[in-house]
Each structure stands twice: as structure tokens, then as C-alpha cells.
């Protein structure tokens, strides 16, 4: 389990996810083609912590397949194919 800081809640429920075309954040100054945010809500806020978010960066050209199985690729492809991009 990740370290809990600020005395906030320990358990969260996934509430929604959304994308940014052109990442909102950078790593070492690099901006990625796509960023997904997953937003999580606790059952009850604690010490002012009302939500948690996780950003996941995607690049179709800068990646490694080390440790990635065909089943993982199929799951990722199925997920993205199911989205209704506008």
C-alpha cells in the first residue's frame, strides 16, 4: 500500500476518468501525447482530503514492451477501442 500522507483517508472508490490530449503534466520537461486522470473519492473526507487523482501518461512512440504480455496489450487495446472519442 502506498504511504498515506496528511492523515487523509486510507480507502477510496474510483469515481471517474478523463483524458487530456497533450498531457497536462510533464516528466523531466517532456510532454506526452495523452494523459489520463483517474479520480477517486473517499467514503468520508478526513483532514480536508476530499479526493485523490492519478495521472497516467501515454505515448504511442516512446515505450518499451519489456514485461508486457500479449494479453496486456489486448486489454489495453480493448479499453481504448471501447472509448467514444470526439
N, C-alpha and C. Protein backbone atom coordinates (compact mmCIF):
# COMPACT_ATOMS: atom_id res chain seq x y z
N UNK A 1 0.85 -1.18 0.00
CA UNK A 1 0.00 0.00 0.00
C UNK A 1 0.89 1.24 0.00
N UNK A 2 0.53 2.23 -0.77
CA UNK A 2 1.28 3.48 -0.83
C UNK A 2 1.22 4.20 0.51
N UNK A 3 2.25 4.96 0.79
CA UNK A 3 2.28 5.74 2.03
C UNK A 3 1.15 6.76 2.04
N UNK A 4 0.46 6.85 3.15
CA UNK A 4 -0.63 7.80 3.32
C UNK A 4 -0.07 9.04 4.00
N UNK A 5 -0.18 10.18 3.36
CA UNK A 5 0.31 11.43 3.92
C UNK A 5 -0.86 12.30 4.34
N UNK A 6 -0.58 13.28 5.15
CA UNK A 6 -1.55 14.30 5.55
C UNK A 6 -2.67 13.74 6.42
N UNK A 7 -2.57 12.50 6.87
CA UNK A 7 -3.61 11.94 7.73
C UNK A 7 -4.95 11.79 7.03
N UNK A 8 -4.93 11.63 5.71
CA UNK A 8 -6.18 11.51 4.95
C UNK A 8 -6.74 10.11 4.99
N UNK A 9 -7.85 9.90 4.29
CA UNK A 9 -8.48 8.58 4.24
C UNK A 9 -7.53 7.54 3.67
N UNK A 10 -7.76 6.30 4.04
CA UNK A 10 -6.92 5.21 3.54
C UNK A 10 -7.57 4.46 2.39
N UNK A 11 -8.89 4.57 2.23
CA UNK A 11 -9.60 3.83 1.18
C UNK A 11 -10.41 4.81 0.32
N UNK A 12 -10.31 4.60 -0.98
CA UNK A 12 -11.01 5.45 -1.95
C UNK A 12 -11.75 4.57 -2.95
N UNK A 13 -12.76 5.13 -3.58
CA UNK A 13 -13.51 4.46 -4.63
C UNK A 13 -13.32 5.24 -5.93
N UNK A 14 -13.10 4.54 -7.03
CA UNK A 14 -12.98 5.20 -8.32
C UNK A 14 -14.27 5.90 -8.69
N UNK A 15 -14.17 7.17 -9.09
CA UNK A 15 -15.36 7.96 -9.42
C UNK A 15 -15.48 8.22 -10.92
N UNK A 16 -14.37 8.54 -11.56
CA UNK A 16 -14.41 8.84 -13.00
C UNK A 16 -13.00 8.89 -13.55
N UNK A 17 -12.90 8.91 -14.87
CA UNK A 17 -11.62 9.17 -15.52
C UNK A 17 -11.87 10.09 -16.70
N UNK A 18 -10.84 10.82 -17.07
CA UNK A 18 -10.93 11.70 -18.23
C UNK A 18 -9.54 11.82 -18.84
N UNK A 19 -9.50 12.35 -20.06
CA UNK A 19 -8.25 12.43 -20.81
C UNK A 19 -7.90 13.88 -21.14
N UNK A 20 -6.62 14.11 -21.33
CA UNK A 20 -6.11 15.35 -21.89
C UNK A 20 -5.28 14.96 -23.10
N UNK A 21 -5.65 15.51 -24.26
CA UNK A 21 -4.91 15.27 -25.48
C UNK A 21 -3.77 16.28 -25.51
N UNK A 22 -2.56 15.79 -25.33
CA UNK A 22 -1.43 16.63 -24.98
C UNK A 22 -1.44 16.67 -23.46
N UNK A 23 -0.48 16.00 -22.84
CA UNK A 23 -0.53 15.83 -21.39
C UNK A 23 -0.55 17.16 -20.66
N UNK A 24 -1.27 17.16 -19.55
CA UNK A 24 -1.35 18.33 -18.69
C UNK A 24 -0.06 18.49 -17.89
N UNK A 25 0.60 17.37 -17.62
CA UNK A 25 1.83 17.37 -16.83
C UNK A 25 3.01 16.90 -17.69
N UNK A 26 4.21 17.10 -17.18
CA UNK A 26 5.43 16.68 -17.87
C UNK A 26 6.28 15.84 -16.92
N UNK A 27 7.18 15.07 -17.50
CA UNK A 27 8.19 14.34 -16.74
C UNK A 27 9.53 14.75 -17.32
N UNK A 28 10.38 15.30 -16.46
CA UNK A 28 11.68 15.81 -16.91
C UNK A 28 11.53 16.75 -18.10
N UNK A 29 10.48 17.57 -18.08
CA UNK A 29 10.25 18.55 -19.14
C UNK A 29 9.60 17.99 -20.39
N UNK A 30 9.33 16.69 -20.43
CA UNK A 30 8.73 16.07 -21.62
C UNK A 30 7.22 16.00 -21.48
N UNK A 31 6.50 16.50 -22.50
CA UNK A 31 5.05 16.42 -22.57
C UNK A 31 4.69 15.22 -23.44
N UNK A 32 3.69 14.47 -23.02
CA UNK A 32 3.28 13.26 -23.73
C UNK A 32 2.02 13.51 -24.55
N UNK A 33 1.73 12.58 -25.47
CA UNK A 33 0.62 12.75 -26.39
C UNK A 33 -0.75 12.67 -25.69
N UNK A 34 -0.83 11.89 -24.62
CA UNK A 34 -2.11 11.66 -23.96
C UNK A 34 -1.87 11.48 -22.46
N UNK A 35 -2.77 12.04 -21.66
CA UNK A 35 -2.73 11.83 -20.22
C UNK A 35 -4.13 11.48 -19.74
N UNK A 36 -4.20 10.40 -18.95
CA UNK A 36 -5.47 10.00 -18.36
C UNK A 36 -5.42 10.30 -16.87
N UNK A 37 -6.46 10.92 -16.36
CA UNK A 37 -6.60 11.14 -14.93
C UNK A 37 -7.70 10.22 -14.41
N UNK A 38 -7.40 9.49 -13.35
CA UNK A 38 -8.43 8.74 -12.64
C UNK A 38 -8.70 9.48 -11.34
N UNK A 39 -9.96 9.69 -11.04
CA UNK A 39 -10.37 10.47 -9.87
C UNK A 39 -11.05 9.53 -8.88
N UNK A 40 -10.66 9.63 -7.62
CA UNK A 40 -11.12 8.72 -6.57
C UNK A 40 -11.66 9.51 -5.39
N UNK A 41 -12.77 9.04 -4.82
CA UNK A 41 -13.41 9.70 -3.68
C UNK A 41 -13.38 8.77 -2.47
N UNK A 42 -13.11 9.34 -1.27
CA UNK A 42 -13.17 8.51 -0.07
C UNK A 42 -14.61 8.34 0.39
N UNK A 43 -14.85 7.35 1.23
CA UNK A 43 -16.18 7.20 1.80
C UNK A 43 -16.51 8.42 2.66
N UNK A 44 -15.50 8.96 3.33
CA UNK A 44 -15.67 10.17 4.13
C UNK A 44 -14.35 10.93 4.08
N UNK A 45 -14.42 12.25 3.91
CA UNK A 45 -13.18 13.04 3.89
C UNK A 45 -12.56 13.03 5.29
N UNK A 46 -11.27 13.24 5.31
CA UNK A 46 -10.56 13.25 6.59
C UNK A 46 -9.42 14.25 6.48
N UNK A 47 -9.32 15.14 7.46
CA UNK A 47 -8.27 16.17 7.47
C UNK A 47 -8.24 16.98 6.18
N UNK A 48 -9.42 17.24 5.62
CA UNK A 48 -9.53 18.08 4.43
C UNK A 48 -9.28 17.37 3.11
N UNK A 49 -8.95 16.08 3.15
CA UNK A 49 -8.71 15.32 1.92
C UNK A 49 -10.06 14.81 1.42
N UNK A 50 -10.47 15.33 0.25
CA UNK A 50 -11.79 15.02 -0.30
C UNK A 50 -11.74 14.17 -1.57
N UNK A 51 -10.56 14.04 -2.16
CA UNK A 51 -10.41 13.21 -3.35
C UNK A 51 -8.94 12.91 -3.57
N UNK A 52 -8.69 11.96 -4.46
CA UNK A 52 -7.33 11.63 -4.88
C UNK A 52 -7.38 11.46 -6.39
N UNK A 53 -6.30 11.80 -7.06
CA UNK A 53 -6.23 11.65 -8.51
C UNK A 53 -4.89 11.03 -8.89
N UNK A 54 -4.92 10.28 -9.99
CA UNK A 54 -3.73 9.65 -10.51
C UNK A 54 -3.62 10.01 -11.98
N UNK A 55 -2.48 10.47 -12.40
CA UNK A 55 -2.24 10.78 -13.81
C UNK A 55 -1.41 9.68 -14.46
N UNK A 56 -1.83 9.23 -15.63
CA UNK A 56 -1.12 8.19 -16.37
C UNK A 56 -0.80 8.76 -17.75
N UNK A 57 0.48 8.76 -18.10
CA UNK A 57 0.94 9.33 -19.36
C UNK A 57 1.09 8.24 -20.42
N UNK A 58 0.69 8.55 -21.65
CA UNK A 58 0.75 7.60 -22.76
C UNK A 58 1.52 8.20 -23.92
N UNK A 59 2.30 7.34 -24.58
CA UNK A 59 2.98 7.73 -25.81
C UNK A 59 2.95 6.54 -26.77
N UNK A 60 2.49 6.76 -28.00
CA UNK A 60 2.48 5.66 -28.96
C UNK A 60 3.86 5.39 -29.56
N UNK A 61 4.83 6.28 -29.32
CA UNK A 61 6.14 6.13 -29.94
C UNK A 61 7.27 5.92 -28.93
N UNK A 62 7.09 6.34 -27.68
CA UNK A 62 8.15 6.25 -26.67
C UNK A 62 7.72 5.25 -25.60
N UNK A 63 8.04 3.97 -25.82
CA UNK A 63 7.61 2.92 -24.90
C UNK A 63 8.55 1.74 -25.00
N UNK A 64 8.42 0.83 -24.06
CA UNK A 64 9.13 -0.43 -24.10
C UNK A 64 8.13 -1.56 -23.87
N UNK A 65 8.33 -2.67 -24.55
CA UNK A 65 7.42 -3.81 -24.38
C UNK A 65 7.96 -4.81 -23.37
N UNK A 66 9.07 -4.49 -22.71
CA UNK A 66 9.65 -5.41 -21.72
C UNK A 66 8.64 -5.69 -20.62
N UNK A 67 8.33 -6.96 -20.43
CA UNK A 67 7.40 -7.37 -19.38
C UNK A 67 5.93 -7.23 -19.76
N UNK A 68 5.65 -6.76 -20.97
CA UNK A 68 4.26 -6.59 -21.41
C UNK A 68 3.85 -7.81 -22.22
N UNK A 69 2.83 -8.50 -21.75
CA UNK A 69 2.37 -9.72 -22.44
C UNK A 69 1.36 -9.36 -23.53
N UNK A 70 1.12 -10.32 -24.42
CA UNK A 70 0.11 -10.13 -25.46
C UNK A 70 -1.27 -9.90 -24.83
N UNK A 71 -1.53 -10.57 -23.70
CA UNK A 71 -2.82 -10.39 -23.01
C UNK A 71 -2.97 -8.95 -22.50
N UNK A 72 -1.89 -8.38 -21.99
CA UNK A 72 -1.93 -6.99 -21.53
C UNK A 72 -2.20 -6.04 -22.69
N UNK A 73 -1.55 -6.27 -23.81
CA UNK A 73 -1.76 -5.43 -25.00
C UNK A 73 -3.21 -5.53 -25.45
N UNK A 74 -3.77 -6.74 -25.45
CA UNK A 74 -5.17 -6.94 -25.84
C UNK A 74 -6.11 -6.17 -24.91
N UNK A 75 -5.85 -6.22 -23.60
CA UNK A 75 -6.67 -5.50 -22.63
C UNK A 75 -6.61 -4.00 -22.88
N UNK A 76 -5.42 -3.47 -23.09
CA UNK A 76 -5.25 -2.03 -23.35
C UNK A 76 -5.94 -1.64 -24.65
N UNK A 77 -5.73 -2.43 -25.70
CA UNK A 77 -6.37 -2.14 -26.99
C UNK A 77 -7.89 -2.18 -26.87
N UNK A 78 -8.42 -3.16 -26.17
CA UNK A 78 -9.88 -3.27 -25.99
C UNK A 78 -10.41 -2.05 -25.26
N UNK A 79 -9.71 -1.61 -24.21
CA UNK A 79 -10.13 -0.43 -23.46
C UNK A 79 -10.20 0.79 -24.37
N UNK A 80 -9.12 1.08 -25.09
CA UNK A 80 -9.10 2.28 -25.93
C UNK A 80 -10.07 2.17 -27.10
N UNK A 81 -10.23 0.98 -27.66
CA UNK A 81 -11.19 0.81 -28.75
C UNK A 81 -12.63 1.03 -28.29
N UNK A 82 -12.89 0.81 -27.00
CA UNK A 82 -14.26 0.96 -26.49
C UNK A 82 -14.65 2.42 -26.21
N UNK A 83 -13.68 3.30 -26.18
CA UNK A 83 -13.97 4.71 -25.88
C UNK A 83 -14.58 5.41 -27.08
N UNK A 84 -15.45 6.35 -26.80
CA UNK A 84 -16.08 7.14 -27.86
C UNK A 84 -15.36 8.48 -27.92
N UNK A 85 -14.34 8.55 -28.77
CA UNK A 85 -13.53 9.77 -28.91
C UNK A 85 -14.30 10.78 -29.75
N UNK A 86 -14.31 12.01 -29.30
CA UNK A 86 -14.97 13.06 -30.08
C UNK A 86 -13.98 14.11 -30.51
